[in-house]
Amino acid sequence: MSKTATYLSWAGQIVAGAILLIAMAPKLLGAPESIELFRELGAEPWGRYIVGVVELVAAALLLVPGTGKHAIGALIAAGAMVGALGSHAWRLGFSGDTGAMAGMATLVLAASLLVLYLRRGELTGPRNA
């Protein structure tokens, strides 16, 4: 990867990873607004815990240097954000606080797709000569 691509990737990784960590904490800590959101989705408490753990794993894979697993973290994050945006379209809506959450999910999705594109070589494994 070129130096520019590396910098762009790390910018995307930091944006996506930081937002995921911020979003994950209320889910795993049982914040009342998170409980209410997952209750509205019909997935409280198990859905809240699963989504929180998925976000934590994705953030860790995106942010820990030297693992070579950044693309996998981006793939997990992108999948989670597609699910989040689907929940907004299907049930939660896009106004008020839920609109802000959907905006953050869109930002994480965009950053994750950028990282996934720039680090796609991590997904193919070593090449034989």
Protein backbone atom coordinates (compact mmCIF):
# COMPACT_ATOMS: atom_id res chain seq x y z
CA MET A 1 0.00 0.00 0.00
CA SER A 2 1.22 3.49 -0.76
CA LYS A 3 1.85 5.99 2.01
CA THR A 4 -1.25 7.97 1.03
CA ALA A 5 -3.42 4.83 1.06
CA THR A 6 -2.02 3.89 4.46
CA TYR A 7 -2.86 7.32 5.88
CA LEU A 8 -6.36 7.22 4.36
CA SER A 9 -6.91 3.74 5.75
CA TRP A 10 -5.84 4.75 9.25
CA ALA A 11 -8.07 7.82 9.11
CA GLY A 12 -11.01 5.59 8.21
CA GLN A 13 -10.05 3.03 10.85
CA ILE A 14 -9.86 5.68 13.56
CA VAL A 15 -13.18 7.28 12.58
CA ALA A 16 -15.03 3.95 12.38
CA GLY A 17 -13.33 2.46 15.45
CA ALA A 18 -13.92 5.49 17.66
CA ILE A 19 -17.61 5.75 16.73
CA LEU A 20 -18.06 2.01 17.27
CA LEU A 21 -16.51 2.25 20.74
CA ILE A 22 -18.76 5.19 21.62
CA ALA A 23 -21.83 3.34 20.31
CA MET A 24 -20.93 0.04 21.96
CA ALA A 25 -20.58 1.29 25.53
CA PRO A 26 -24.27 2.10 26.22
CA LYS A 27 -25.31 -1.26 24.80
CA LEU A 28 -23.03 -3.33 27.02
CA LEU A 29 -23.50 -1.09 30.06
CA GLY A 30 -27.29 -1.24 29.82
CA ALA A 31 -28.06 2.45 29.31
CA PRO A 32 -31.84 3.04 29.49
CA GLU A 33 -32.03 4.56 25.98
CA SER A 34 -30.23 1.53 24.56
CA ILE A 35 -32.57 -0.85 26.38
CA GLU A 36 -35.59 1.06 25.05
CA LEU A 37 -34.22 1.03 21.47
CA PHE A 38 -33.68 -2.73 21.48
CA ARG A 39 -37.04 -3.25 23.20
CA GLU A 40 -38.64 -1.38 20.29
CA LEU A 41 -36.80 -3.70 17.91
CA GLY A 42 -37.99 -6.75 19.87
CA ALA A 43 -34.42 -7.80 20.60
CA GLU A 44 -33.87 -6.84 24.24
CA PRO A 45 -31.58 -7.94 25.91
CA TRP A 46 -29.93 -10.53 23.67
CA GLY A 47 -29.77 -8.29 20.56
CA ARG A 48 -28.25 -5.44 22.53
CA TYR A 49 -25.49 -7.68 23.89
CA ILE A 50 -24.75 -9.28 20.52
CA VAL A 51 -24.57 -5.93 18.72
CA GLY A 52 -22.39 -4.46 21.49
CA VAL A 53 -19.92 -7.35 21.29
CA VAL A 54 -19.85 -7.24 17.48
CA GLU A 55 -19.09 -3.50 17.61
CA LEU A 56 -16.36 -4.08 20.20
CA VAL A 57 -14.71 -6.80 18.11
CA ALA A 58 -14.89 -4.68 14.94
CA ALA A 59 -13.40 -1.67 16.74
CA ALA A 60 -10.57 -3.75 18.18
CA LEU A 61 -9.72 -5.24 14.78
CA LEU A 62 -9.80 -1.79 13.19
CA LEU A 63 -7.72 -0.02 15.84
CA VAL A 64 -5.06 -2.48 17.02
CA PRO A 65 -1.97 -1.99 14.84
CA GLY A 66 0.11 -4.82 13.48
CA THR A 67 -2.61 -7.47 13.43
CA GLY A 68 -3.16 -7.59 9.69
CA LYS A 69 -6.89 -7.98 10.48
CA HIS A 70 -8.04 -4.43 9.71
CA ALA A 71 -9.97 -5.51 6.62
CA ILE A 72 -11.84 -8.13 8.65
CA GLY A 73 -12.72 -5.46 11.22
CA ALA A 74 -13.96 -3.22 8.40
CA LEU A 75 -16.04 -6.06 6.97
CA ILE A 76 -17.62 -6.76 10.36
CA ALA A 77 -18.26 -3.05 10.96
CA ALA A 78 -19.81 -2.60 7.51
CA GLY A 79 -22.12 -5.56 8.05
CA ALA A 80 -23.19 -4.26 11.45
CA MET A 81 -23.91 -0.81 10.01
CA VAL A 82 -25.99 -2.27 7.16
CA GLY A 83 -28.01 -3.99 9.88
CA ALA A 84 -28.27 -0.76 11.87
CA LEU A 85 -29.44 1.23 8.85
CA GLY A 86 -31.92 -1.53 8.01
CA SER A 87 -33.31 -1.24 11.55
CA HIS A 88 -33.72 2.50 11.06
CA ALA A 89 -35.46 2.03 7.71
CA TRP A 90 -37.64 -0.83 8.94
CA ARG A 91 -38.58 0.24 12.46
CA LEU A 92 -36.81 3.18 14.11
CA GLY A 93 -37.01 5.98 11.56
CA PHE A 94 -34.57 8.76 10.76
CA SER A 95 -35.74 11.72 12.86
CA GLY A 96 -34.46 13.15 16.14
CA ASP A 97 -31.95 11.06 18.07
CA THR A 98 -32.53 8.05 15.82
CA GLY A 99 -31.66 10.24 12.83
CA ALA A 100 -28.35 11.18 14.45
CA MET A 101 -27.66 7.49 15.12
CA ALA A 102 -28.43 6.68 11.49
CA GLY A 103 -26.04 9.43 10.40
CA MET A 104 -23.27 7.96 12.54
CA ALA A 105 -24.02 4.49 11.15
CA THR A 106 -23.71 5.91 7.63
CA LEU A 107 -20.36 7.49 8.51
CA VAL A 108 -19.06 4.22 9.98
CA LEU A 109 -20.28 2.34 6.90
CA ALA A 110 -18.51 4.77 4.55
CA ALA A 111 -15.27 4.67 6.57
CA SER A 112 -15.41 0.87 6.79
CA LEU A 113 -15.94 0.50 3.05
CA LEU A 114 -12.96 2.78 2.42
CA VAL A 115 -10.77 0.67 4.74
CA LEU A 116 -12.09 -2.53 3.19
CA TYR A 117 -11.22 -1.28 -0.30
CA LEU A 118 -7.75 -0.04 0.66
CA ARG A 119 -6.91 -3.19 2.64
CA ARG A 120 -8.65 -5.75 0.43
CA GLY A 121 -5.33 -7.53 -0.01
CA GLU A 122 -5.54 -8.65 3.64
CA LEU A 123 -8.57 -10.76 2.76
CA THR A 124 -6.93 -12.76 -0.02
CA GLY A 125 -4.03 -14.10 2.01
CA PRO A 126 -0.52 -14.70 0.74
CA ARG A 127 -0.02 -15.14 -2.98
CA ASN A 128 1.98 -17.97 -4.44
CA ALA A 129 4.73 -16.97 -6.85
